[in-house]
Structures are given as structure tokens and as C-alpha cells.
Amino acid sequence: LTGNASVDHPKAAKAAAKPNEAKSMVRVRFVHKPEKLSLKLGERELLQKGAWSDNAVEFDATLPLSLDLLVDANWAYGAPDQALTIEIEPDGQDTKRETNWSTAGNLNEVYHFQW
């Protein structure tokens, strides 16, 4: 090596790397409030907190920028099929949303998000 060669410093490369997680606003939207609703990231239940209304719940959470959420929802017997939309808005990233429909009052789906 000569004295003029550039050297990559590991700390500089780390600083330029994309973060693996971000503080995020999560919104779960529905037309009819489910009788049961669970939103899990691995074994972690995310709906332990949040402001519920008749057609949505929203909360802040620090989430990975690539994630699979297991959603389990149930509506009253005889309810028509229901749409359930999840929106996630990480700090510094675009909002992404995914919608799935229940069948016979039940929804058990994996929602995948990646930024």
C-alpha cells in the first residue's frame, strides 16, 4: 500500500447502513369491530395498548423494517365477511398497507411488510 490509498473504516460503513427497525405508527382499520383481535410479531402481542374506536385502533411501536404480523380476528356469528387493513408508517419511510378479508366471521392471516 502507498500512503495515498483510501481505507474503508468499519465505523463509517456501519453509520451508512440502513437501520433494521424504526419507531412506527400502526393503524388497524375495520368496518365492524371484531369481538376478538390479536396482532402478533413473533410471540409479542402488539395490541396490549392503543386507542380503540368502533372502526380502528392505532398505536406506536418500534418495529423491524421487514416483518410478518400474525393477525387473528373473530366477528359475531353470522357476520358478513369483513375487511381488516393494517397500515404501518415507520419514521422516515413510506406508509404501507395490506388488507385481508375474513371468511365466515374468522380471519387468521400473515401480513407481510418490507421497506
PDB file of N, CA and C in Angstrom:
ATOM      1  N   LEU A   1       0.828  -1.185   0.000  1.00  0.00           N
ATOM      2  CA  LEU A   1       0.000   0.000   0.000  1.00  0.00           C
ATOM      3  C   LEU A   1       0.868   1.242   0.000  1.00  0.00           C
ATOM      4  N   THR A   2       0.337   2.228  -0.651  1.00  0.00           N
ATOM      5  CA  THR A   2       1.021   3.514  -0.624  1.00  0.00           C
ATOM      6  C   THR A   2       0.282   4.421   0.349  1.00  0.00           C
ATOM      7  N   GLY A   3       0.842   5.501   0.668  1.00  0.00           N
ATOM      8  CA  GLY A   3       0.228   6.443   1.593  1.00  0.00           C
ATOM      9  C   GLY A   3      -0.993   7.126   1.013  1.00  0.00           C
ATOM     10  N   ASN A   4      -1.263   6.983  -0.297  1.00  0.00           N
ATOM     11  CA  ASN A   4      -2.383   7.665  -0.945  1.00  0.00           C
ATOM     12  C   ASN A   4      -3.635   6.804  -1.056  1.00  0.00           C
ATOM     13  N   ALA A   5      -3.563   5.535  -0.718  1.00  0.00           N
ATOM     14  CA  ALA A   5      -4.719   4.644  -0.864  1.00  0.00           C
ATOM     15  C   ALA A   5      -5.771   4.966   0.198  1.00  0.00           C
ATOM     16  N   SER A   6      -7.048   4.903  -0.212  1.00  0.00           N
ATOM     17  CA  SER A   6      -8.110   5.149   0.766  1.00  0.00           C
ATOM     18  C   SER A   6      -8.393   3.849   1.520  1.00  0.00           C
ATOM     19  N   VAL A   7      -8.758   4.025   2.752  1.00  0.00           N
ATOM     20  CA  VAL A   7      -9.046   2.881   3.608  1.00  0.00           C
ATOM     21  C   VAL A   7     -10.489   3.017   4.094  1.00  0.00           C
ATOM     22  N   ASP A   8     -11.257   1.923   3.955  1.00  0.00           N
ATOM     23  CA  ASP A   8     -12.629   1.932   4.467  1.00  0.00           C
ATOM     24  C   ASP A   8     -12.596   1.646   5.951  1.00  0.00           C
ATOM     25  N   HIS A   9     -13.255   2.489   6.708  1.00  0.00           N
ATOM     26  CA  HIS A   9     -13.325   2.308   8.143  1.00  0.00           C
ATOM     27  C   HIS A   9     -14.634   1.598   8.488  1.00  0.00           C
ATOM     28  N   PRO A  10     -14.594   0.554   9.293  1.00  0.00           N
ATOM     29  CA  PRO A  10     -15.821  -0.163   9.642  1.00  0.00           C
ATOM     30  C   PRO A  10     -16.884   0.721  10.267  1.00  0.00           C
ATOM     31  N   LYS A  11     -16.504   1.694  11.093  1.00  0.00           N
ATOM     32  CA  LYS A  11     -17.482   2.569  11.727  1.00  0.00           C
ATOM     33  C   LYS A  11     -18.223   3.407  10.685  1.00  0.00           C
ATOM     34  N   ALA A  12     -17.537   3.870   9.674  1.00  0.00           N
ATOM     35  CA  ALA A  12     -18.166   4.674   8.620  1.00  0.00           C
ATOM     36  C   ALA A  12     -19.165   3.824   7.842  1.00  0.00           C
ATOM     37  N   ALA A  13     -18.838   2.594   7.560  1.00  0.00           N
ATOM     38  CA  ALA A  13     -19.745   1.710   6.832  1.00  0.00           C
ATOM     39  C   ALA A  13     -20.992   1.427   7.667  1.00  0.00           C
ATOM     40  N   LYS A  14     -20.829   1.248   8.957  1.00  0.00           N
ATOM     41  CA  LYS A  14     -21.975   0.999   9.835  1.00  0.00           C
ATOM     42  C   LYS A  14     -22.897   2.207   9.878  1.00  0.00           C
ATOM     43  N   ALA A  15     -22.352   3.389   9.931  1.00  0.00           N
ATOM     44  CA  ALA A  15     -23.158   4.602  10.008  1.00  0.00           C
ATOM     45  C   ALA A  15     -24.009   4.768   8.755  1.00  0.00           C
ATOM     46  N   ALA A  16     -23.513   4.327   7.591  1.00  0.00           N
ATOM     47  CA  ALA A  16     -24.239   4.471   6.344  1.00  0.00           C
ATOM     48  C   ALA A  16     -25.263   3.354   6.144  1.00  0.00           C
ATOM     49  N   ALA A  17     -25.195   2.300   6.929  1.00  0.00           N
ATOM     50  CA  ALA A  17     -26.110   1.171   6.773  1.00  0.00           C
ATOM     51  C   ALA A  17     -27.528   1.596   7.135  1.00  0.00           C
ATOM     52  N   LYS A  18     -28.487   0.966   6.467  1.00  0.00           N
ATOM     53  CA  LYS A  18     -29.895   1.230   6.721  1.00  0.00           C
ATOM     54  C   LYS A  18     -30.276   0.654   8.086  1.00  0.00           C
ATOM     55  N   PRO A  19     -31.079   1.380   8.869  1.00  0.00           N
ATOM     56  CA  PRO A  19     -31.468   0.844  10.178  1.00  0.00           C
ATOM     57  C   PRO A  19     -32.346  -0.391  10.014  1.00  0.00           C
ATOM     58  N   ASN A  20     -32.299  -1.293  10.991  1.00  0.00           N
ATOM     59  CA  ASN A  20     -33.083  -2.520  10.943  1.00  0.00           C
ATOM     60  C   ASN A  20     -34.482  -2.346  11.515  1.00  0.00           C
ATOM     61  N   GLU A  21     -34.691  -1.295  12.301  1.00  0.00           N
ATOM     62  CA  GLU A  21     -36.001  -1.060  12.892  1.00  0.00           C
ATOM     63  C   GLU A  21     -36.234   0.436  13.034  1.00  0.00           C
ATOM     64  N   ALA A  22     -37.508   0.784  13.238  1.00  0.00           N
ATOM     65  CA  ALA A  22     -37.856   2.201  13.368  1.00  0.00           C
ATOM     66  C   ALA A  22     -39.105   2.335  14.221  1.00  0.00           C
ATOM     67  N   LYS A  23     -39.218   3.477  14.896  1.00  0.00           N
ATOM     68  CA  LYS A  23     -40.451   3.792  15.609  1.00  0.00           C
ATOM     69  C   LYS A  23     -41.534   3.959  14.546  1.00  0.00           C
ATOM     70  N   SER A  24     -42.671   3.319  14.760  1.00  0.00           N
ATOM     71  CA  SER A  24     -43.704   3.271  13.729  1.00  0.00           C
ATOM     72  C   SER A  24     -45.082   3.555  14.309  1.00  0.00           C
ATOM     73  N   MET A  25     -45.931   4.157  13.488  1.00  0.00           N
ATOM     74  CA  MET A  25     -47.350   4.307  13.806  1.00  0.00           C
ATOM     75  C   MET A  25     -48.057   3.136  13.127  1.00  0.00           C
ATOM     76  N   VAL A  26     -48.815   2.373  13.913  1.00  0.00           N
ATOM     77  CA  VAL A  26     -49.556   1.227  13.391  1.00  0.00           C
ATOM     78  C   VAL A  26     -51.042   1.532  13.509  1.00  0.00           C
ATOM     79  N   ARG A  27     -51.780   1.333  12.404  1.00  0.00           N
ATOM     80  CA  ARG A  27     -53.232   1.518  12.399  1.00  0.00           C
ATOM     81  C   ARG A  27     -53.871   0.224  11.911  1.00  0.00           C
ATOM     82  N   VAL A  28     -54.859  -0.249  12.637  1.00  0.00           N
ATOM     83  CA  VAL A  28     -55.636  -1.410  12.232  1.00  0.00           C
ATOM     84  C   VAL A  28     -57.045  -0.891  11.978  1.00  0.00           C
ATOM     85  N   ARG A  29     -57.533  -1.053  10.753  1.00  0.00           N
ATOM     86  CA  ARG A  29     -58.831  -0.489  10.375  1.00  0.00           C
ATOM     87  C   ARG A  29     -59.808  -1.615  10.016  1.00  0.00           C
ATOM     88  N   PHE A  30     -61.073  -1.403  10.383  1.00  0.00           N
ATOM     89  CA  PHE A  30     -62.131  -2.363  10.092  1.00  0.00           C
ATOM     90  C   PHE A  30     -63.449  -1.611  10.063  1.00  0.00           C
ATOM     91  N   VAL A  31     -64.447  -2.182   9.392  1.00  0.00           N
ATOM     92  CA  VAL A  31     -65.764  -1.545   9.338  1.00  0.00           C
ATOM     93  C   VAL A  31     -66.561  -1.892  10.597  1.00  0.00           C
ATOM     94  N   HIS A  32     -66.531  -3.166  10.985  1.00  0.00           N
ATOM     95  CA  HIS A  32     -67.215  -3.623  12.193  1.00  0.00           C
ATOM     96  C   HIS A  32     -66.158  -4.116  13.170  1.00  0.00           C
ATOM     97  N   LYS A  33     -66.235  -3.645  14.409  1.00  0.00           N
ATOM     98  CA  LYS A  33     -65.251  -4.010  15.429  1.00  0.00           C
ATOM     99  C   LYS A  33     -65.294  -5.522  15.684  1.00  0.00           C
ATOM    100  N   PRO A  34     -64.144  -6.200  15.598  1.00  0.00           N
ATOM    101  CA  PRO A  34     -64.135  -7.632  15.887  1.00  0.00           C
ATOM    102  C   PRO A  34     -64.364  -7.898  17.371  1.00  0.00           C
ATOM    103  N   GLU A  35     -64.930  -9.072  17.673  1.00  0.00           N
ATOM    104  CA  GLU A  35     -65.095  -9.473  19.073  1.00  0.00           C
ATOM    105  C   GLU A  35     -63.750  -9.850  19.676  1.00  0.00           C
ATOM    106  N   LYS A  36     -62.859 -10.371  18.843  1.00  0.00           N
ATOM    107  CA  LYS A  36     -61.505 -10.744  19.282  1.00  0.00           C
ATOM    108  C   LYS A  36     -60.535 -10.262  18.217  1.00  0.00           C
ATOM    109  N   LEU A  37     -59.422  -9.674  18.660  1.00  0.00           N
ATOM    110  CA  LEU A  37     -58.393  -9.221  17.721  1.00  0.00           C
ATOM    111  C   LEU A  37     -57.028  -9.376  18.359  1.00  0.00           C
ATOM    112  N   SER A  38     -56.145 -10.080  17.672  1.00  0.00           N
ATOM    113  CA  SER A  38     -54.775 -10.275  18.126  1.00  0.00           C
ATOM    114  C   SER A  38     -53.844  -9.925  16.974  1.00  0.00           C
ATOM    115  N   LEU A  39     -52.779  -9.215  17.288  1.00  0.00           N
ATOM    116  CA  LEU A  39     -51.779  -8.812  16.300  1.00  0.00           C
ATOM    117  C   LEU A  39     -50.419  -9.151  16.891  1.00  0.00           C
ATOM    118  N   LYS A  40     -49.771 -10.187  16.342  1.00  0.00           N
ATOM    119  CA  LYS A  40     -48.519 -10.666  16.930  1.00  0.00           C
ATOM    120  C   LYS A  40     -47.345 -10.528  15.978  1.00  0.00           C
ATOM    121  N   LEU A  41     -46.221 -10.125  16.569  1.00  0.00           N
ATOM    122  CA  LEU A  41     -44.929 -10.113  15.896  1.00  0.00           C
ATOM    123  C   LEU A  41     -44.109 -11.184  16.611  1.00  0.00           C
ATOM    124  N   GLY A  42     -43.985 -12.358  15.997  1.00  0.00           N
ATOM    125  CA  GLY A  42     -43.390 -13.492  16.694  1.00  0.00           C
ATOM    126  C   GLY A  42     -44.303 -13.860  17.851  1.00  0.00           C
ATOM    127  N   GLU A  43     -43.765 -13.901  19.054  1.00  0.00           N
ATOM    128  CA  GLU A  43     -44.559 -14.211  20.246  1.00  0.00           C
ATOM    129  C   GLU A  43     -45.077 -12.950  20.942  1.00  0.00           C
ATOM    130  N   ARG A  44     -44.691 -11.768  20.446  1.00  0.00           N
ATOM    131  CA  ARG A  44     -45.033 -10.492  21.084  1.00  0.00           C
ATOM    132  C   ARG A  44     -46.392  -9.975  20.604  1.00  0.00           C
ATOM    133  N   GLU A  45     -47.331  -9.868  21.535  1.00  0.00           N
ATOM    134  CA  GLU A  45     -48.650  -9.304  21.230  1.00  0.00           C
ATOM    135  C   GLU A  45     -48.522  -7.783  21.178  1.00  0.00           C
ATOM    136  N   LEU A  46     -48.934  -7.182  20.044  1.00  0.00           N
ATOM    137  CA  LEU A  46     -48.779  -5.738  19.867  1.00  0.00           C
ATOM    138  C   LEU A  46     -49.987  -4.933  20.332  1.00  0.00           C
ATOM    139  N   LEU A  47     -51.130  -5.557  20.528  1.00  0.00           N
ATOM    140  CA  LEU A  47     -52.347  -4.815  20.869  1.00  0.00           C
ATOM    141  C   LEU A  47     -52.584  -4.677  22.362  1.00  0.00           C
ATOM    142  N   GLN A  48     -51.548  -4.688  23.154  1.00  0.00           N
ATOM    143  CA  GLN A  48     -51.706  -4.509  24.594  1.00  0.00           C
ATOM    144  C   GLN A  48     -52.030  -3.068  24.952  1.00  0.00           C
ATOM    145  N   LYS A  49     -51.732  -2.182  24.026  1.00  0.00           N
ATOM    146  CA  LYS A  49     -52.030  -0.774  24.261  1.00  0.00           C
ATOM    147  C   LYS A  49     -52.623  -0.216  22.985  1.00  0.00           C
ATOM    148  N   GLY A  50     -53.153   0.968  23.055  1.00  0.00           N
ATOM    149  CA  GLY A  50     -53.675   1.589  21.844  1.00  0.00           C
ATOM    150  C   GLY A  50     -55.017   2.234  22.104  1.00  0.00           C
ATOM    151  N   ALA A  51     -55.366   3.144  21.232  1.00  0.00           N
ATOM    152  CA  ALA A  51     -56.631   3.862  21.330  1.00  0.00           C
ATOM    153  C   ALA A  51     -57.638   3.204  20.387  1.00  0.00           C
ATOM    154  N   TRP A  52     -58.590   2.456  20.957  1.00  0.00           N
ATOM    155  CA  TRP A  52     -59.609   1.769  20.172  1.00  0.00           C
ATOM    156  C   TRP A  52     -60.764   2.703  19.853  1.00  0.00           C
ATOM    157  N   SER A  53     -61.305   2.552  18.663  1.00  0.00           N
ATOM    158  CA  SER A  53     -62.565   3.207  18.311  1.00  0.00           C
ATOM    159  C   SER A  53     -63.443   2.118  17.690  1.00  0.00           C
ATOM    160  N   ASP A  54     -64.607   2.500  17.209  1.00  0.00           N
ATOM    161  CA  ASP A  54     -65.503   1.498  16.621  1.00  0.00           C
ATOM    162  C   ASP A  54     -64.988   0.931  15.301  1.00  0.00           C
ATOM    163  N   ASN A  55     -64.060   1.643  14.654  1.00  0.00           N
ATOM    164  CA  ASN A  55     -63.584   1.143  13.367  1.00  0.00           C
ATOM    165  C   ASN A  55     -62.064   1.162  13.215  1.00  0.00           C
ATOM    166  N   ALA A  56     -61.319   1.356  14.300  1.00  0.00           N
ATOM    167  CA  ALA A  56     -59.858   1.359  14.183  1.00  0.00           C
ATOM    168  C   ALA A  56     -59.202   1.300  15.557  1.00  0.00           C
ATOM    169  N   VAL A  57     -57.941   0.898  15.531  1.00  0.00           N
ATOM    170  CA  VAL A  57     -57.076   1.004  16.698  1.00  0.00           C
ATOM    171  C   VAL A  57     -55.729   1.472  16.171  1.00  0.00           C
ATOM    172  N   GLU A  58     -55.075   2.351  16.904  1.00  0.00           N
ATOM    173  CA  GLU A  58     -53.739   2.790  16.482  1.00  0.00           C
ATOM    174  C   GLU A  58     -52.835   2.931  17.693  1.00  0.00           C
ATOM    175  N   PHE A  59     -51.550   2.704  17.427  1.00  0.00           N
ATOM    176  CA  PHE A  59     -50.560   2.754  18.498  1.00  0.00           C
ATOM    177  C   PHE A  59     -49.178   2.930  17.887  1.00  0.00           C
ATOM    178  N   ASP A  60     -48.222   3.357  18.715  1.00  0.00           N
ATOM    179  CA  ASP A  60     -46.823   3.461  18.325  1.00  0.00           C
ATOM    180  C   ASP A  60     -46.086   2.215  18.788  1.00  0.00           C
ATOM    181  N   ALA A  61     -45.145   1.753  17.974  1.00  0.00           N
ATOM    182  CA  ALA A  61     -44.311   0.608  18.354  1.00  0.00           C
ATOM    183  C   ALA A  61     -43.008   0.690  17.576  1.00  0.00           C
ATOM    184  N   THR A  62     -41.932   0.231  18.174  1.00  0.00           N
ATOM    185  CA  THR A  62     -40.670   0.098  17.450  1.00  0.00           C
ATOM    186  C   THR A  62     -40.685  -1.271  16.774  1.00  0.00           C
ATOM    187  N   LEU A  63     -40.611  -1.252  15.444  1.00  0.00           N
ATOM    188  CA  LEU A  63     -40.760  -2.479  14.658  1.00  0.00           C
ATOM    189  C   LEU A  63     -39.602  -2.644  13.683  1.00  0.00           C
ATOM    190  N   PRO A  64     -39.287  -3.895  13.333  1.00  0.00           N
ATOM    191  CA  PRO A  64     -38.288  -4.119  12.282  1.00  0.00           C
ATOM    192  C   PRO A  64     -38.826  -3.605  10.946  1.00  0.00           C
ATOM    193  N   LEU A  65     -37.922  -3.294  10.016  1.00  0.00           N
ATOM    194  CA  LEU A  65     -38.332  -2.794   8.698  1.00  0.00           C
ATOM    195  C   LEU A  65     -38.657  -3.926   7.728  1.00  0.00           C
ATOM    196  N   SER A  66     -38.604  -5.140   8.193  1.00  0.00           N
ATOM    197  CA  SER A  66     -39.100  -6.306   7.460  1.00  0.00           C
ATOM    198  C   SER A  66     -39.781  -7.188   8.490  1.00  0.00           C
ATOM    199  N   LEU A  67     -41.089  -7.373   8.360  1.00  0.00           N
ATOM    200  CA  LEU A  67     -41.797  -8.103   9.398  1.00  0.00           C
ATOM    201  C   LEU A  67     -43.014  -8.834   8.865  1.00  0.00           C
ATOM    202  N   ASP A  68     -43.360  -9.900   9.572  1.00  0.00           N
ATOM    203  CA  ASP A  68     -44.581 -10.656   9.334  1.00  0.00           C
ATOM    204  C   ASP A  68     -45.424 -10.549  10.591  1.00  0.00           C
ATOM    205  N   LEU A  69     -46.654 -10.066  10.443  1.00  0.00           N
ATOM    206  CA  LEU A  69     -47.572  -9.940  11.566  1.00  0.00           C
ATOM    207  C   LEU A  69     -48.650 -11.010  11.438  1.00  0.00           C
ATOM    208  N   LEU A  70     -48.840 -11.782  12.485  1.00  0.00           N
ATOM    209  CA  LEU A  70     -49.908 -12.779  12.513  1.00  0.00           C
ATOM    210  C   LEU A  70     -51.142 -12.116  13.101  1.00  0.00           C
ATOM    211  N   VAL A  71     -52.199 -12.061  12.303  1.00  0.00           N
ATOM    212  CA  VAL A  71     -53.428 -11.403  12.715  1.00  0.00           C
ATOM    213  C   VAL A  71     -54.513 -12.463  12.873  1.00  0.00           C
ATOM    214  N   ASP A  72     -55.154 -12.442  14.030  1.00  0.00           N
ATOM    215  CA  ASP A  72     -56.246 -13.364  14.332  1.00  0.00           C
ATOM    216  C   ASP A  72     -57.425 -12.520  14.784  1.00  0.00           C
ATOM    217  N   ALA A  73     -58.534 -12.579  14.045  1.00  0.00           N
ATOM    218  CA  ALA A  73     -59.712 -11.779  14.382  1.00  0.00           C
ATOM    219  C   ALA A  73     -60.970 -12.617  14.213  1.00  0.00           C
ATOM    220  N   ASN A  74     -61.944 -12.349  15.077  1.00  0.00           N
ATOM    221  CA  ASN A  74     -63.231 -13.036  15.006  1.00  0.00           C
ATOM    222  C   ASN A  74     -64.346 -12.024  15.172  1.00  0.00           C
ATOM    223  N   TRP A  75     -65.395 -12.179  14.364  1.00  0.00           N
ATOM    224  CA  TRP A  75     -66.589 -11.361  14.449  1.00  0.00           C
ATOM    225  C   TRP A  75     -67.754 -12.235  14.903  1.00  0.00           C
ATOM    226  N   ALA A  76     -68.853 -11.618  15.262  1.00  0.00           N
ATOM    227  CA  ALA A  76     -70.029 -12.338  15.750  1.00  0.00           C
ATOM    228  C   ALA A  76     -70.512 -13.353  14.719  1.00  0.00           C
ATOM    229  N   TYR A  77     -71.101 -14.421  15.221  1.00  0.00           N
ATOM    230  CA  TYR A  77     -71.653 -15.466  14.363  1.00  0.00           C
ATOM    231  C   TYR A  77     -72.649 -14.852  13.388  1.00  0.00           C
ATOM    232  N   GLY A  78     -72.530 -15.209  12.130  1.00  0.00           N
ATOM    233  CA  GLY A  78     -73.445 -14.712  11.113  1.00  0.00           C
ATOM    234  C   GLY A  78     -73.038 -13.382  10.507  1.00  0.00           C
ATOM    235  N   ALA A  79     -71.932 -12.793  10.977  1.00  0.00           N
ATOM    236  CA  ALA A  79     -71.481 -11.512  10.415  1.00  0.00           C
ATOM    237  C   ALA A  79     -71.020 -11.733   8.970  1.00  0.00           C
ATOM    238  N   PRO A  80     -71.278 -10.763   8.095  1.00  0.00           N
ATOM    239  CA  PRO A  80     -70.755 -10.897   6.723  1.00  0.00           C
ATOM    240  C   PRO A  80     -69.229 -10.841   6.740  1.00  0.00           C
ATOM    241  N   ASP A  81     -68.613 -11.274   5.632  1.00  0.00           N
ATOM    242  CA  ASP A  81     -67.150 -11.203   5.536  1.00  0.00           C
ATOM    243  C   ASP A  81     -66.691  -9.769   5.765  1.00  0.00           C
ATOM    244  N   GLN A  82     -65.577  -9.623   6.479  1.00  0.00           N
ATOM    245  CA  GLN A  82     -65.075  -8.315   6.890  1.00  0.00           C
ATOM    246  C   GLN A  82     -63.674  -8.079   6.343  1.00  0.00           C
ATOM    247  N   ALA A  83     -63.383  -6.848   5.965  1.00  0.00           N
ATOM    248  CA  ALA A  83     -62.028  -6.454   5.569  1.00  0.00           C
ATOM    249  C   ALA A  83     -61.306  -5.914   6.794  1.00  0.00           C
ATOM    250  N   LEU A  84     -60.035  -6.284   6.938  1.00  0.00           N
ATOM    251  CA  LEU A  84     -59.207  -5.763   8.013  1.00  0.00           C
ATOM    252  C   LEU A  84     -57.912  -5.273   7.381  1.00  0.00           C
ATOM    253  N   THR A  85     -57.650  -3.974   7.520  1.00  0.00           N
ATOM    254  CA  THR A  85     -56.477  -3.339   6.912  1.00  0.00           C
ATOM    255  C   THR A  85     -55.492  -2.952   7.992  1.00  0.00           C
ATOM    256  N   ILE A  86     -54.230  -3.240   7.742  1.00  0.00           N
ATOM    257  CA  ILE A  86     -53.155  -2.795   8.634  1.00  0.00           C
ATOM    258  C   ILE A  86     -52.293  -1.814   7.849  1.00  0.00           C
ATOM    259  N   GLU A  87     -52.071  -0.643   8.451  1.00  0.00           N
ATOM    260  CA  GLU A  87     -51.173   0.376   7.902  1.00  0.00           C
ATOM    261  C   GLU A  87     -50.014   0.542   8.871  1.00  0.00           C
ATOM    262  N   ILE A  88     -48.806   0.579   8.333  1.00  0.00           N
ATOM    263  CA  ILE A  88     -47.635   0.844   9.166  1.00  0.00           C
ATOM    264  C   ILE A  88     -46.860   1.987   8.546  1.00  0.00           C
ATOM    265  N   GLU A  89     -46.544   2.982   9.382  1.00  0.00           N
ATOM    266  CA  GLU A  89     -45.816   4.167   8.944  1.00  0.00           C
ATOM    267  C   GLU A  89     -44.565   4.333   9.809  1.00  0.00           C
ATOM    268  N   PRO A  90     -43.432   3.725   9.372  1.00  0.00           N
ATOM    269  CA  PRO A  90     -42.189   3.896  10.139  1.00  0.00           C
ATOM    270  C   PRO A  90     -41.625   5.296   9.932  1.00  0.00           C
ATOM    271  N   ASP A  91     -40.955   5.835  10.959  1.00  0.00           N
ATOM    272  CA  ASP A  91     -40.289   7.128  10.829  1.00  0.00           C
ATOM    273  C   ASP A  91     -39.351   7.091   9.633  1.00  0.00           C
ATOM    274  N   GLY A  92     -39.476   8.085   8.756  1.00  0.00           N
ATOM    275  CA  GLY A  92     -38.577   8.217   7.612  1.00  0.00           C
ATOM    276  C   GLY A  92     -38.876   7.289   6.451  1.00  0.00           C
ATOM    277  N   GLN A  93     -39.989   6.561   6.495  1.00  0.00           N
ATOM    278  CA  GLN A  93     -40.338   5.615   5.424  1.00  0.00           C
ATOM    279  C   GLN A  93     -41.766   5.890   4.943  1.00  0.00           C
ATOM    280  N   ASP A  94     -42.088   5.368   3.766  1.00  0.00           N
ATOM    281  CA  ASP A  94     -43.445   5.483   3.246  1.00  0.00           C
ATOM    282  C   ASP A  94     -44.397   4.576   4.017  1.00  0.00           C
ATOM    283  N   THR A  95     -45.663   4.984   4.087  1.00  0.00           N
ATOM    284  CA  THR A  95     -46.695   4.150   4.697  1.00  0.00           C
ATOM    285  C   THR A  95     -46.998   2.983   3.772  1.00  0.00           C
ATOM    286  N   LYS A  96     -47.119   1.798   4.363  1.00  0.00           N
ATOM    287  CA  LYS A  96     -47.534   0.615   3.601  1.00  0.00           C
ATOM    288  C   LYS A  96     -48.764   0.052   4.274  1.00  0.00           C
ATOM    289  N   ARG A  97     -49.639  -0.550   3.449  1.00  0.00           N
ATOM    290  CA  ARG A  97     -50.869  -1.132   3.984  1.00  0.00           C
ATOM    291  C   ARG A  97     -51.158  -2.447   3.271  1.00  0.00           C
ATOM    292  N   GLU A  98     -51.852  -3.306   4.001  1.00  0.00           N
ATOM    293  CA  GLU A  98     -52.288  -4.576   3.444  1.00  0.00           C
ATOM    294  C   GLU A  98     -53.676  -4.872   4.001  1.00  0.00           C
ATOM    295  N   THR A  99     -54.553  -5.408   3.147  1.00  0.00           N
ATOM    296  CA  THR A  99     -55.918  -5.741   3.536  1.00  0.00           C
ATOM    297  C   THR A  99     -56.185  -7.212   3.255  1.00  0.00           C
ATOM    298  N   ASN A 100     -56.829  -7.876   4.197  1.00  0.00           N
ATOM    299  CA  ASN A 100     -57.305  -9.245   4.001  1.00  0.00           C
ATOM    300  C   ASN A 100     -58.758  -9.304   4.455  1.00  0.00           C
ATOM    301  N   TRP A 101     -59.469 -10.317   3.960  1.00  0.00           N
ATOM    302  CA  TRP A 101     -60.888 -10.478   4.257  1.00  0.00           C
ATOM    303  C   TRP A 101     -61.124 -11.706   5.126  1.00  0.00           C
ATOM    304  N   SER A 102     -62.092 -11.582   6.032  1.00  0.00           N
ATOM    305  CA  SER A 102     -62.492 -12.726   6.847  1.00  0.00           C
ATOM    306  C   SER A 102     -63.364 -13.659   6.014  1.00  0.00           C
ATOM    307  N   THR A 103     -63.472 -14.887   6.481  1.00  0.00           N
ATOM    308  CA  THR A 103     -64.381 -15.869   5.900  1.00  0.00           C
ATOM    309  C   THR A 103     -65.172 -16.473   7.051  1.00  0.00           C
ATOM    310  N   ALA A 104     -66.493 -16.446   6.941  1.00  0.00           N
ATOM    311  CA  ALA A 104     -67.376 -16.998   7.970  1.00  0.00           C
ATOM    312  C   ALA A 104     -67.056 -16.426   9.355  1.00  0.00           C
ATOM    313  N   GLY A 105     -66.742 -15.128   9.402  1.00  0.00           N
ATOM    314  CA  GLY A 105     -66.520 -14.454  10.679  1.00  0.00           C
ATOM    315  C   GLY A 105     -65.138 -14.626  11.283  1.00  0.00           C
ATOM    316  N   ASN A 106     -64.222 -15.270  10.558  1.00  0.00           N
ATOM    317  CA  ASN A 106     -62.858 -15.502  11.075  1.00  0.00           C
ATOM    318  C   ASN A 106     -61.805 -15.010  10.090  1.00  0.00           C
ATOM    319  N   LEU A 107     -60.740 -14.475  10.645  1.00  0.00           N
ATOM    320  CA  LEU A 107     -59.577 -14.083   9.845  1.00  0.00           C
ATOM    321  C   LEU A 107     -58.335 -14.530  10.604  1.00  0.00           C
ATOM    322  N   ASN A 108     -57.502 -15.281   9.938  1.00  0.00           N
ATOM    323  CA  ASN A 108     -56.225 -15.720  10.502  1.00  0.00           C
ATOM    324  C   ASN A 108     -55.223 -15.642   9.366  1.00  0.00           C
ATOM    325  N   GLU A 109     -54.496 -14.542   9.286  1.00  0.00           N
ATOM    326  CA  GLU A 109     -53.614 -14.264   8.162  1.00  0.00           C
ATOM    327  C   GLU A 109     -52.281 -13.714   8.626  1.00  0.00           C
ATOM    328  N   VAL A 110     -51.267 -13.877   7.776  1.00  0.00           N
ATOM    329  CA  VAL A 110     -49.965 -13.243   7.978  1.00  0.00           C
ATOM    330  C   VAL A 110     -49.907 -12.043   7.038  1.00  0.00           C
ATOM    331  N   TYR A 111     -49.660 -10.879   7.614  1.00  0.00           N
ATOM    332  CA  TYR A 111     -49.481  -9.644   6.858  1.00  0.00           C
ATOM    333  C   TYR A 111     -47.973  -9.395   6.776  1.00  0.00           C
ATOM    334  N   HIS A 112     -47.460  -9.243   5.550  1.00  0.00           N
ATOM    335  CA  HIS A 112     -46.009  -9.068   5.366  1.00  0.00           C
ATOM    336  C   HIS A 112     -45.727  -7.617   4.957  1.00  0.00           C
ATOM    337  N   PHE A 113     -44.740  -7.015   5.616  1.00  0.00           N
ATOM    338  CA  PHE A 113     -44.319  -5.644   5.302  1.00  0.00           C
ATOM    339  C   PHE A 113     -42.810  -5.605   5.170  1.00  0.00           C
ATOM    340  N   GLN A 114     -42.326  -4.859   4.164  1.00  0.00           N
ATOM    341  CA  GLN A 114     -40.886  -4.695   3.983  1.00  0.00           C
ATOM    342  C   GLN A 114     -40.586  -3.342   3.374  1.00  0.00           C
ATOM    343  N   TRP A 115     -39.602  -2.653   3.965  1.00  0.00           N
ATOM    344  CA  TRP A 115     -39.161  -1.360   3.431  1.00  0.00           C
ATOM    345  C   TRP A 115     -37.731  -1.480   2.972  1.00  0.00           C
TER     346      TRP A 115
END
